Each structure stands twice: as C-alpha cells, then as structure tokens.
C-alpha atoms as a PDB file:
ATOM      1  CA  MET A   1       9.172   8.593 -15.515  1.00  0.00           C
ATOM      2  CA  LEU A   2       6.125  10.660 -16.416  1.00  0.00           C
ATOM      3  CA  ILE A   3       4.311  11.958 -13.328  1.00  0.00           C
ATOM      4  CA  PRO A   4       0.754  13.264 -13.777  1.00  0.00           C
ATOM      5  CA  PRO A   5       0.128  16.942 -12.945  1.00  0.00           C
ATOM      6  CA  LEU A   6      -1.222  17.818  -9.508  1.00  0.00           C
ATOM      7  CA  GLN A   7      -4.779  18.497 -10.535  1.00  0.00           C
ATOM      8  CA  ASN A   8      -8.206  17.241  -9.479  1.00  0.00           C
ATOM      9  CA  VAL A   9      -7.119  17.215  -5.845  1.00  0.00           C
ATOM     10  CA  GLN A  10      -9.196  14.914  -3.655  1.00  0.00           C
ATOM     11  CA  THR A  11     -10.030  15.292   0.021  1.00  0.00           C
ATOM     12  CA  PRO A  12      -9.714  11.859   1.700  1.00  0.00           C
ATOM     13  CA  GLN A  13     -13.033  10.500   2.971  1.00  0.00           C
ATOM     14  CA  ARG A  14     -12.405   6.810   3.694  1.00  0.00           C
ATOM     15  CA  TYR A  15      -9.298   4.657   3.964  1.00  0.00           C
ATOM     16  CA  SER A  16      -8.612   1.057   4.915  1.00  0.00           C
ATOM     17  CA  LEU A  17      -5.626  -1.228   4.426  1.00  0.00           C
ATOM     18  CA  VAL A  18      -5.059  -4.902   5.213  1.00  0.00           C
ATOM     19  CA  PRO A  19      -1.440  -5.027   6.493  1.00  0.00           C
ATOM     20  CA  ARG A  20      -0.962  -8.785   5.926  1.00  0.00           C
ATOM     21  CA  PRO A  21      -3.154  -9.795   2.998  1.00  0.00           C
ATOM     22  CA  THR A  22      -4.536 -13.317   3.055  1.00  0.00           C
ATOM     23  CA  PRO A  23      -6.850 -14.270   0.191  1.00  0.00           C
ATOM     24  CA  PRO A  24      -9.734 -14.098  -0.113  1.00  0.00           C
ATOM     25  CA  ALA A  25     -10.076 -10.699   1.555  1.00  0.00           C
ATOM     26  CA  PRO A  26     -10.668  -8.038  -1.104  1.00  0.00           C
ATOM     27  CA  PRO A  27     -10.133  -5.203  -1.150  1.00  0.00           C
ATOM     28  CA  LEU A  28      -6.744  -4.943   0.511  1.00  0.00           C
ATOM     29  CA  VAL A  29      -6.747  -1.173   0.001  1.00  0.00           C
ATOM     30  CA  ASP A  30      -9.864   0.997  -0.155  1.00  0.00           C
ATOM     31  CA  LEU A  31      -9.193   4.726  -0.500  1.00  0.00           C
ATOM     32  CA  LEU A  32     -12.001   7.159  -1.277  1.00  0.00           C
ATOM     33  CA  GLY A  33     -11.482  10.855  -1.987  1.00  0.00           C
ATOM     34  CA  ARG A  34     -13.936  13.676  -2.702  1.00  0.00           C
ATOM     35  CA  ARG A  35     -13.083  16.369  -5.225  1.00  0.00           C
ATOM     36  CA  LYS A  36     -11.840  19.476  -3.437  1.00  0.00           C
ATOM     37  CA  GLY A  37     -13.551  22.815  -3.930  1.00  0.00           C
ATOM     38  CA  LEU A  38     -16.753  24.694  -3.242  1.00  0.00           C
ATOM     39  CA  VAL A  39     -18.524  23.738  -6.478  1.00  0.00           C
ATOM     40  CA  PRO A  40     -17.977  19.951  -6.055  1.00  0.00           C
ATOM     41  CA  PHE A  41     -19.132  20.287  -2.443  1.00  0.00           C
ATOM     42  CA  LEU A  42     -22.355  22.054  -3.422  1.00  0.00           C
ATOM     43  CA  LEU A  43     -23.024  19.570  -6.228  1.00  0.00           C
ATOM     44  CA  GLY A  44     -22.480  16.735  -3.765  1.00  0.00           C
ATOM     45  CA  LEU A  45     -25.302  18.073  -1.614  1.00  0.00           C
ATOM     46  CA  VAL A  46     -27.737  17.366  -4.454  1.00  0.00           C
ATOM     47  CA  GLY A  47     -26.295  13.933  -5.227  1.00  0.00           C
ATOM     48  CA  LEU A  48     -23.827  14.901  -7.966  1.00  0.00           C
ATOM     49  CA  LYS A  49     -20.697  13.705  -6.222  1.00  0.00           C
ATOM     50  CA  SER A  50     -17.198  14.033  -7.641  1.00  0.00           C
ATOM     51  CA  THR A  51     -15.081  11.254  -6.162  1.00  0.00           C
ATOM     52  CA  ALA A  52     -12.100   9.029  -6.863  1.00  0.00           C
ATOM     53  CA  ARG A  53     -11.850   5.568  -5.322  1.00  0.00           C
ATOM     54  CA  LEU A  54      -8.694   3.455  -5.372  1.00  0.00           C
ATOM     55  CA  LEU A  55      -9.237  -0.267  -4.778  1.00  0.00           C
ATOM     56  CA  VAL A  56      -6.461  -2.857  -4.588  1.00  0.00           C
ATOM     57  CA  THR A  57      -7.290  -6.566  -4.599  1.00  0.00           C
ATOM     58  CA  HIS A  58      -5.160  -9.667  -5.098  1.00  0.00           C
ATOM     59  CA  GLU A  59      -5.925  -9.521  -8.823  1.00  0.00           C
ATOM     60  CA  GLU A  60      -5.943  -5.852  -9.846  1.00  0.00           C
ATOM     61  CA  VAL A  61      -5.595  -2.159  -9.084  1.00  0.00           C
ATOM     62  CA  ASN A  62      -8.868  -0.361  -9.781  1.00  0.00           C
ATOM     63  CA  CYS A  63      -9.475   3.397  -9.857  1.00  0.00           C
ATOM     64  CA  GLU A  64     -13.087   4.546 -10.194  1.00  0.00           C
ATOM     65  CA  THR A  65     -13.555   8.252 -10.938  1.00  0.00           C
ATOM     66  CA  THR A  66     -16.976   9.886 -10.802  1.00  0.00           C
ATOM     67  CA  THR A  67     -17.864  13.478 -11.685  1.00  0.00           C
ATOM     68  CA  PHE A  68     -21.108  15.278 -12.459  1.00  0.00           C
ATOM     69  CA  THR A  69     -20.337  14.787 -16.166  1.00  0.00           C
ATOM     70  CA  GLY A  70     -19.719  11.019 -16.077  1.00  0.00           C
ATOM     71  CA  SER A  71     -17.635   8.153 -14.737  1.00  0.00           C
ATOM     72  CA  SER A  72     -14.503   6.242 -15.681  1.00  0.00           C
ATOM     73  CA  VAL A  73     -12.745   3.084 -14.502  1.00  0.00           C
ATOM     74  CA  GLU A  74      -9.032   2.308 -14.875  1.00  0.00           C
ATOM     75  CA  LEU A  75      -7.641  -1.185 -14.256  1.00  0.00           C
ATOM     76  CA  ILE A  76      -4.135  -2.598 -13.999  1.00  0.00           C
ATOM     77  CA  PRO A  77      -3.711  -6.327 -13.294  1.00  0.00           C
ATOM     78  CA  ILE A  78      -1.405  -6.904 -10.339  1.00  0.00           C
ATOM     79  CA  ALA A  79       0.843  -9.055 -12.515  1.00  0.00           C
ATOM     80  CA  ARG A  80       1.370  -6.086 -14.879  1.00  0.00           C
ATOM     81  CA  VAL A  81       2.254  -3.479 -12.253  1.00  0.00           C
ATOM     82  CA  ALA A  82       5.688  -2.091 -13.136  1.00  0.00           C
ATOM     83  CA  ASP A  83       6.235   0.616 -10.521  1.00  0.00           C
ATOM     84  CA  ILE A  84       4.495   2.567  -7.760  1.00  0.00           C
ATOM     85  CA  HIS A  85       5.413   6.188  -7.149  1.00  0.00           C
ATOM     86  CA  VAL A  86       4.340   8.164  -4.089  1.00  0.00           C
ATOM     87  CA  ALA A  87       5.203  11.773  -3.346  1.00  0.00           C
ATOM     88  CA  GLU A  88       4.419  14.600  -0.971  1.00  0.00           C
ATOM     89  CA  TYR A  89       4.338  18.253  -2.006  1.00  0.00           C
ATOM     90  CA  ARG A  90       3.979  21.471  -0.028  1.00  0.00           C
ATOM     91  CA  PRO A  91       1.758  24.246  -1.483  1.00  0.00           C
ATOM     92  CA  LEU A  92       4.665  26.647  -2.076  1.00  0.00           C
ATOM     93  CA  PRO A  93       2.616  29.236  -4.048  1.00  0.00           C
ATOM     94  CA  LYS A  94       0.398  29.723  -0.999  1.00  0.00           C
ATOM     95  CA  ALA A  95       3.435  30.408   1.181  1.00  0.00           C
ATOM     96  CA  VAL A  96       4.782  32.970  -1.282  1.00  0.00           C
ATOM     97  CA  LEU A  97       1.389  34.646  -1.581  1.00  0.00           C
ATOM     98  CA  GLY A  98       0.986  34.596   2.200  1.00  0.00           C
ATOM     99  CA  ALA A  99       4.354  36.273   2.710  1.00  0.00           C
ATOM    100  CA  PHE A 100       3.400  38.964   0.195  1.00  0.00           C
ATOM    101  CA  PHE A 101       0.049  39.612   1.898  1.00  0.00           C
ATOM    102  CA  LEU A 102       1.719  39.711   5.300  1.00  0.00           C
ATOM    103  CA  PHE A 103       4.303  42.253   4.153  1.00  0.00           C
ATOM    104  CA  PHE A 104       1.752  44.354   2.248  1.00  0.00           C
ATOM    105  CA  GLY A 105      -0.769  44.318   5.093  1.00  0.00           C
ATOM    106  CA  ALA A 106       1.811  45.204   7.733  1.00  0.00           C
ATOM    107  CA  SER A 107       3.121  48.071   5.606  1.00  0.00           C
ATOM    108  CA  ASN A 108      -0.396  49.377   5.061  1.00  0.00           C
ATOM    109  CA  TYR A 109      -1.242  49.071   8.761  1.00  0.00           C
ATOM    110  CA  PHE A 110       1.759  51.049  10.001  1.00  0.00           C
ATOM    111  CA  ALA A 111       1.712  53.629   7.188  1.00  0.00           C
ATOM    112  CA  ALA A 112      -2.007  54.429   7.261  1.00  0.00           C
ATOM    113  CA  ASP A 113      -3.308  57.317   9.326  1.00  0.00           C
ATOM    114  CA  LEU A 114      -6.968  56.386   9.130  1.00  0.00           C
ATOM    115  CA  ALA A 115      -8.472  53.607  11.204  1.00  0.00           C
ATOM    116  CA  PRO A 116     -10.367  51.992   8.275  1.00  0.00           C
ATOM    117  CA  LEU A 117      -7.129  51.620   6.311  1.00  0.00           C
ATOM    118  CA  GLN A 118      -5.416  50.129   9.338  1.00  0.00           C
ATOM    119  CA  ILE A 119      -8.235  47.606   9.689  1.00  0.00           C
ATOM    120  CA  ILE A 120      -7.861  46.650   6.031  1.00  0.00           C
ATOM    121  CA  GLY A 121      -4.120  46.221   6.525  1.00  0.00           C
ATOM    122  CA  LEU A 122      -4.739  44.055   9.577  1.00  0.00           C
ATOM    123  CA  LEU A 123      -7.176  41.839   7.661  1.00  0.00           C
ATOM    124  CA  ILE A 124      -4.637  41.409   4.873  1.00  0.00           C
ATOM    125  CA  CYS A 125      -2.062  40.371   7.497  1.00  0.00           C
ATOM    126  CA  VAL A 126      -4.472  37.776   8.873  1.00  0.00           C
ATOM    127  CA  LEU A 127      -5.012  36.390   5.372  1.00  0.00           C
ATOM    128  CA  GLY A 128      -1.261  36.182   4.835  1.00  0.00           C
ATOM    129  CA  VAL A 129      -0.750  34.325   8.114  1.00  0.00           C
ATOM    130  CA  ALA A 130      -3.542  31.884   7.185  1.00  0.00           C
ATOM    131  CA  LEU A 131      -1.862  31.102   3.862  1.00  0.00           C
ATOM    132  CA  ILE A 132       1.503  30.549   5.544  1.00  0.00           C
ATOM    133  CA  VAL A 133      -0.074  28.230   8.124  1.00  0.00           C
ATOM    134  CA  THR A 134      -1.686  26.289   5.273  1.00  0.00           C
ATOM    135  CA  TYR A 135       1.765  25.802   3.763  1.00  0.00           C
ATOM    136  CA  PHE A 136       3.002  24.098   6.930  1.00  0.00           C
ATOM    137  CA  LEU A 137      -0.117  22.069   7.728  1.00  0.00           C
ATOM    138  CA  LYS A 138      -1.412  20.934   4.337  1.00  0.00           C
ATOM    139  CA  ARG A 139       0.273  18.491   1.969  1.00  0.00           C
ATOM    140  CA  ARG A 140      -0.450  17.407  -1.566  1.00  0.00           C
ATOM    141  CA  LEU A 141      -0.157  13.628  -1.763  1.00  0.00           C
ATOM    142  CA  LEU A 142       0.363  11.749  -5.015  1.00  0.00           C
ATOM    143  CA  ILE A 143       0.208   8.024  -5.688  1.00  0.00           C
ATOM    144  CA  ALA A 144       0.817   6.781  -9.225  1.00  0.00           C
ATOM    145  CA  ILE A 145       0.726   3.086 -10.186  1.00  0.00           C
ATOM    146  CA  PHE A 146       2.460   2.416 -13.496  1.00  0.00           C
ATOM    147  CA  SER A 147       1.643  -0.537 -15.713  1.00  0.00           C
ATOM    148  CA  GLN A 148       4.182  -2.294 -17.901  1.00  0.00           C
ATOM    149  CA  SER A 149       2.829  -0.296 -20.832  1.00  0.00           C
ATOM    150  CA  GLY A 150       3.821   2.906 -19.024  1.00  0.00           C
ATOM    151  CA  LEU A 151       0.301   4.267 -18.490  1.00  0.00           C
ATOM    152  CA  PRO A 152      -0.338   5.191 -14.841  1.00  0.00           C
ATOM    153  CA  ILE A 153      -3.271   5.246 -12.490  1.00  0.00           C
ATOM    154  CA  ALA A 154      -2.818   8.419 -10.455  1.00  0.00           C
ATOM    155  CA  VAL A 155      -4.692   9.928  -7.524  1.00  0.00           C
ATOM    156  CA  VAL A 156      -3.859  13.291  -5.971  1.00  0.00           C
ATOM    157  CA  LEU A 157      -5.101  13.962  -2.454  1.00  0.00           C
ATOM    158  CA  GLU A 158      -4.699  16.534   0.255  1.00  0.00           C
ATOM    159  CA  SER A 159      -3.632  15.439   3.706  1.00  0.00           C
ATOM    160  CA  GLY A 160      -6.475  15.514   6.194  1.00  0.00           C
ATOM    161  CA  ARG A 161      -8.361  13.686   8.902  1.00  0.00           C
ATOM    162  CA  ILE A 162     -10.485  10.594   8.368  1.00  0.00           C
ATOM    163  CA  LYS A 163     -12.544   9.598  11.396  1.00  0.00           C
ATOM    164  CA  ASN A 164     -10.223  11.254  13.923  1.00  0.00           C
ATOM    165  CA  ARG A 165      -7.017   9.970  12.333  1.00  0.00           C
ATOM    166  CA  LEU A 166      -4.615  11.868  10.120  1.00  0.00           C
ATOM    167  CA  PHE A 167      -4.211  10.559   6.591  1.00  0.00           C
ATOM    168  CA  GLY A 168      -0.760  11.423   5.291  1.00  0.00           C
ATOM    169  CA  PHE A 169       2.319  10.371   3.387  1.00  0.00           C
ATOM    170  CA  ALA A 170       2.984   7.358   5.635  1.00  0.00           C
ATOM    171  CA  ASP A 171      -0.343   5.860   4.523  1.00  0.00           C
ATOM    172  CA  LEU A 172       0.671   6.181   0.871  1.00  0.00           C
ATOM    173  CA  VAL A 173       3.933   4.383   1.663  1.00  0.00           C
ATOM    174  CA  ASN A 174       1.941   1.536   3.241  1.00  0.00           C
ATOM    175  CA  ILE A 175      -0.212   1.311   0.109  1.00  0.00           C
ATOM    176  CA  GLN A 176       2.943   1.301  -2.025  1.00  0.00           C
ATOM    177  CA  ARG A 177       4.441  -1.563  -0.012  1.00  0.00           C
ATOM    178  CA  THR A 178       1.229  -3.582  -0.201  1.00  0.00           C
ATOM    179  CA  ILE A 179       0.962  -3.265  -3.991  1.00  0.00           C
ATOM    180  CA  ARG A 180       4.657  -4.027  -4.440  1.00  0.00           C
ATOM    181  CA  MET A 181       4.398  -7.133  -2.266  1.00  0.00           C
ATOM    182  CA  LEU A 182       1.421  -8.352  -4.297  1.00  0.00           C
ATOM    183  CA  ALA A 183       3.205  -7.653  -7.580  1.00  0.00           C
ATOM    184  CA  GLU A 184       6.353  -9.487  -6.473  1.00  0.00           C
ATOM    185  CA  ALA A 185       4.244 -12.426  -5.295  1.00  0.00           C
ATOM    186  CA  GLY A 186       2.512 -12.621  -8.655  1.00  0.00           C
ATOM    187  CA  GLY A 187      -0.814 -11.352  -7.349  1.00  0.00           C
ATOM    188  CA  SER A 188      -1.382 -13.827  -4.527  1.00  0.00           C
ATOM    189  CA  GLY A 189       0.217 -11.803  -1.764  1.00  0.00           C
ATOM    190  CA  VAL A 190       1.096 -15.038   0.077  1.00  0.00           C
ATOM    191  CA  PRO A 191       2.753 -18.316  -0.884  1.00  0.00           C
ATOM    192  CA  ALA A 192       0.666 -21.265  -1.939  1.00  0.00           C
ATOM    193  CA  PRO A 193      -0.501 -23.341   1.044  1.00  0.00           C
ATOM    194  CA  ILE A 194       0.785 -26.849   1.645  1.00  0.00           C
ATOM    195  CA  SER A 195      -1.665 -29.512   0.576  1.00  0.00           C
ATOM    196  CA  HIS A 196      -2.318 -32.528   2.784  1.00  0.00           C
ATOM    197  CA  GLU A 197      -3.126 -35.156   0.184  1.00  0.00           C
ATOM    198  CA  ASN A 198      -1.097 -38.114  -1.080  1.00  0.00           C
ATOM    199  CA  SER A 199       1.951 -37.541   1.098  1.00  0.00           C
ATOM    200  CA  THR A 200       3.332 -37.743   4.598  1.00  0.00           C
ATOM    201  CA  PRO A 201       0.697 -36.321   7.011  1.00  0.00           C
ATOM    202  CA  GLY A 202       1.228 -32.626   7.608  1.00  0.00           C
ATOM    203  CA  PHE A 203       3.936 -32.189   4.975  1.00  0.00           C
ATOM    204  CA  ALA A 204       2.392 -32.758   1.559  1.00  0.00           C
ATOM    205  CA  ALA A 205       3.109 -30.865  -1.639  1.00  0.00           C
ATOM    206  CA  ASP A 206       0.510 -29.246  -3.888  1.00  0.00           C
ATOM    207  CA  ASP A 207      -1.194 -31.636  -6.305  1.00  0.00           C
ATOM    208  CA  VAL A 208      -0.229 -30.071  -9.618  1.00  0.00           C
ATOM    209  CA  GLY A 209      -0.935 -33.071 -11.807  1.00  0.00           C
ATOM    210  CA  GLU A 210       2.708 -34.107 -12.226  1.00  0.00           C
ATOM    211  CA  ASP A 211       3.930 -37.673 -12.156  1.00  0.00           C
ATOM    212  CA  ASP A 212       4.900 -38.673  -8.608  1.00  0.00           C
ATOM    213  CA  ASP A 213       7.978 -40.582  -9.750  1.00  0.00           C
ATOM    214  CA  ALA A 214       9.247 -37.557 -11.632  1.00  0.00           C
ATOM    215  CA  VAL A 215       8.941 -35.446  -8.518  1.00  0.00           C
ATOM    216  CA  GLU A 216      10.666 -38.009  -6.319  1.00  0.00           C
ATOM    217  CA  GLU A 217      13.600 -38.133  -8.724  1.00  0.00           C
ATOM    218  CA  GLU A 218      14.141 -34.390  -8.398  1.00  0.00           C
ATOM    219  CA  PRO A 219      17.730 -34.036  -7.156  1.00  0.00           C
ATOM    220  CA  ASP A 220      18.411 -32.480  -3.774  1.00  0.00           C
ATOM    221  CA  VAL A 221      20.653 -29.511  -4.473  1.00  0.00           C
ATOM    222  CA  GLY A 222      21.592 -29.233  -0.837  1.00  0.00           C
ATOM    223  CA  TRP A 223      20.002 -25.835  -0.352  1.00  0.00           C
ATOM    224  CA  GLN A 224      20.261 -24.723   3.239  1.00  0.00           C
ATOM    225  CA  PRO A 225      17.868 -22.221   4.839  1.00  0.00           C
ATOM    226  CA  PRO A 226      19.250 -18.984   6.280  1.00  0.00           C
ATOM    227  CA  VAL A 227      20.066 -18.892   9.961  1.00  0.00           C
ATOM    228  CA  ALA A 228      17.786 -17.111  12.401  1.00  0.00           C
ATOM    229  CA  GLU A 229      20.296 -14.323  13.111  1.00  0.00           C
ATOM    230  CA  ALA A 230      19.932 -12.975   9.564  1.00  0.00           C
ATOM    231  CA  ALA A 231      16.166 -12.389   9.801  1.00  0.00           C
ATOM    232  CA  PRO A 232      16.205  -9.035  11.674  1.00  0.00           C
ATOM    233  CA  ARG A 233      18.343  -7.480   8.933  1.00  0.00           C
ATOM    234  CA  THR A 234      15.869  -8.267   6.157  1.00  0.00           C
ATOM    235  CA  SER A 235      12.929  -6.153   5.068  1.00  0.00           C
ATOM    236  CA  PRO A 236       9.369  -7.489   5.523  1.00  0.00           C
ATOM    237  CA  VAL A 237       9.089  -8.238   1.801  1.00  0.00           C
ATOM    238  CA  GLU A 238      12.415 -10.098   1.757  1.00  0.00           C
ATOM    239  CA  ALA A 239      11.392 -12.021   4.875  1.00  0.00           C
ATOM    240  CA  GLU A 240       8.142 -13.130   3.203  1.00  0.00           C
ATOM    241  CA  GLN A 241      10.012 -14.214   0.078  1.00  0.00           C
ATOM    242  CA  THR A 242      12.677 -16.160   1.979  1.00  0.00           C
ATOM    243  CA  ALA A 243      10.057 -17.769   4.202  1.00  0.00           C
ATOM    244  CA  ARG A 244       8.118 -18.795   1.104  1.00  0.00           C
ATOM    245  CA  ARG A 245      11.210 -20.489  -0.315  1.00  0.00           C
ATOM    246  CA  LEU A 246      11.647 -22.366   2.954  1.00  0.00           C
ATOM    247  CA  LEU A 247       8.039 -23.513   2.808  1.00  0.00           C
ATOM    248  CA  ASP A 248       8.490 -24.690  -0.783  1.00  0.00           C
ATOM    249  CA  ASP A 249      11.634 -26.571   0.225  1.00  0.00           C
ATOM    250  CA  ALA A 250       9.733 -28.308   3.028  1.00  0.00           C
ATOM    251  CA  ARG A 251       7.043 -29.275   0.525  1.00  0.00           C
ATOM    252  CA  ARG A 252       9.610 -30.803  -1.831  1.00  0.00           C
ATOM    253  CA  ARG A 253      11.265 -32.741   0.973  1.00  0.00           C
ATOM    254  CA  ALA A 254       7.911 -34.067   2.204  1.00  0.00           C
ATOM    255  CA  LYS A 255       6.883 -35.254  -1.242  1.00  0.00           C
ATOM    256  CA  ALA A 256      10.258 -36.929  -1.698  1.00  0.00           C
ATOM    257  CA  GLY A 257       9.689 -38.843   1.549  1.00  0.00           C
ATOM    258  CA  ASP A 258      12.212 -36.892   3.637  1.00  0.00           C
ATOM    259  CA  ARG A 259       9.909 -36.299   6.603  1.00  0.00           C
ATOM    260  CA  ASP A 260      12.695 -35.429   9.048  1.00  0.00           C
ATOM    261  CA  GLY A 261      14.181 -32.943   6.610  1.00  0.00           C
ATOM    262  CA  ALA A 262      10.797 -31.290   6.119  1.00  0.00           C
ATOM    263  CA  VAL A 263      10.326 -30.981   9.884  1.00  0.00           C
ATOM    264  CA  LYS A 264      13.785 -29.449  10.246  1.00  0.00           C
ATOM    265  CA  VAL A 265      13.128 -26.849   7.541  1.00  0.00           C
ATOM    266  CA  LEU A 266       9.756 -25.915   9.025  1.00  0.00           C
ATOM    267  CA  ARG A 267      11.299 -25.519  12.475  1.00  0.00           C
ATOM    268  CA  GLU A 268      13.976 -23.212  11.105  1.00  0.00           C
ATOM    269  CA  LEU A 269      11.330 -21.261   9.184  1.00  0.00           C
ATOM    270  CA  VAL A 270       9.289 -20.622  12.335  1.00  0.00           C
ATOM    271  CA  GLU A 271      12.378 -19.664  14.346  1.00  0.00           C
ATOM    272  CA  ALA A 272      13.881 -17.367  11.710  1.00  0.00           C
ATOM    273  CA  TYR A 273      10.730 -15.666  10.382  1.00  0.00           C
ATOM    274  CA  PRO A 274       8.049 -16.044  13.068  1.00  0.00           C
ATOM    275  CA  ASP A 275       5.925 -13.080  11.933  1.00  0.00           C
ATOM    276  CA  THR A 276       5.447 -14.136   8.312  1.00  0.00           C
ATOM    277  CA  THR A 277       2.463 -15.851   6.730  1.00  0.00           C
ATOM    278  CA  PRO A 278       4.502 -18.950   5.731  1.00  0.00           C
ATOM    279  CA  ALA A 279       5.571 -19.291   9.387  1.00  0.00           C
ATOM    280  CA  GLU A 280       1.919 -19.492  10.419  1.00  0.00           C
ATOM    281  CA  GLN A 281       1.353 -22.235   7.852  1.00  0.00           C
ATOM    282  CA  ALA A 282       4.451 -24.032   9.111  1.00  0.00           C
ATOM    283  CA  ARG A 283       3.149 -23.933  12.695  1.00  0.00           C
ATOM    284  CA  ASN A 284      -0.157 -25.407  11.582  1.00  0.00           C
ATOM    285  CA  ASN A 285       1.583 -28.263   9.778  1.00  0.00           C
ATOM    286  CA  LEU A 286       3.883 -28.958  12.718  1.00  0.00           C
ATOM    287  CA  ALA A 287       0.894 -28.970  15.052  1.00  0.00           C
ATOM    288  CA  LYS A 288      -0.729 -31.712  12.965  1.00  0.00           C
ATOM    289  CA  ILE A 289       2.071 -34.076  13.966  1.00  0.00           C
ATOM    290  CA  GLY A 290       2.152 -32.936  17.588  1.00  0.00           C
ATOM    291  CA  ILE A 291       4.960 -30.370  17.434  1.00  0.00           C
ATOM    292  CA  ARG A 292       4.075 -27.057  19.074  1.00  0.00           C
ATOM    293  CA  MET A 293       6.110 -23.925  18.403  1.00  0.00           C
END
C-alpha cells in the first residue's frame, strides 16, 4: 500500500463527527486544518489562507485544499472506498537533534571558563530540552482514504487542541470507523426504513415495484435471528449489519402476511441489539401496534 509522504502538515482548526449517522445529516465528518508554519500563518493574516478540509457525507469523501497559489478538490464516492489507513508518528528527528543540543550545551557549559560561554551553553541546553519535549507531546497524524483505483485522499495533521479539547489519534480512528461503516452499508450508513404502505400495519416492506404475488411466493428459508447473548461479543459495525438483516427479515415476513413472525423478529432485534439504528426503527413499528419496548 502506497502511503503519501508526511508533508504539508496541517494544524487542526475545526472537527466534528456524527457518531451514528442518520441521513440526511451531511457532513458526517468535518475536519479543517491550517497549513503549519510561519509563512502560511502570516499569509493567513492578509486573507491568503492555506487550509485542507476533509468532508465525509453519505455519498462521498471530499478533500478541499486551498493555498495562496490555488485550490483543488478530490472526491471519492463512498461506494468506491477501498481502504482507510490512519497512522500516528513521533517526530524522531527532533528528539535526536534535541539530545545532541542537550549534550553539546551541557559540555560547553561545564567546560567554559567565561560566563558568556556558559550562558550560550545553557541556552543550547534549553533548546535541546524543548525539542525533546516536543517529541513526547506532538504527534504527526495521517489519514489516507484509498479508492478502488488505488489513488488516495491523504491529510497530514499535527496533534493539538481544538476549542479546549485535544485532537489526536483516537479521533482519526473514529473517522476511519465512520467511513468504513458507510462503505460497508453502500453509502447509506443505515438500513432502509420499513415502509407502511400496502401491508400489515406497522410491518410493511419497501415498495420496490415488484409483483406482490412474486414476493409472497418467496420461500421461507427458516433463518433464525441470533440470540441476545451473542450481541455483546460483536463489534458495533457487525451489530448494525446483523440488526439490519433482522429488520429485513421482519419486512419479508410482514409482506408475506406472517404478522406474528414479524413481531417476534422485531422483539428479538430490540432485545439483542438495543443500541442500533434498526432497533430504533423496530421500536417505532412495534409502538404503532401498541407494543412498547
């Protein structure tokens, strides 16, 4: 896998993430970074900002880059996202340089006979300590979203504070999980809602233009939902996927006229995966027929 070089480092300025995306609510991720360095900072004071903004919606991943020389936009449709790579790097060269300055400054301080030379040695020691502290406190953060064609969208940031909260590697992992969930769900982020037309009240299937008789003749393969005890051992993404399958099964049973079977599946869905989006939809449908859970 080709990882872009750690250049054009951005200082995070704004960050927001929707933990449980429900369309329409774009953007799910909004991450804005300002180009690091004295020159970009000074140019920003006169309106020539150098920024990178990563936006994630239900349909696409969008990276808008602006510099004083121009702008560019990179897009990857959610359905064509192949992989998401996140990484954290320590500035090792700064630590090595800091150790050298610390050793050189200390040697100069203790070996010098004149006060001015000792002061210079002390200042070099302070610089070395500052570089070593930077090594422990600062992180380079990389997020790269790869399309199926292999071309990535990459943003490199430096860990820092955004409105009194620390932006770090854990935030990149949350972004990675959100994009992966959207990609696995085909861009919707949540299963399709149950329709309430042309079927048993509260348990209708989506109207997809198919012949009703053909749907009713669909054989029941006897699929049984997982028991509630298995839910805690699944990841959030797996829980959403399994809950979605349960919701689809309830829809099929309702359209086939098996109202009791649909109610049973929805009950088991709510009990096994209560914190998922399909469970919320199941509760709403059960409430329509007077069943509260």
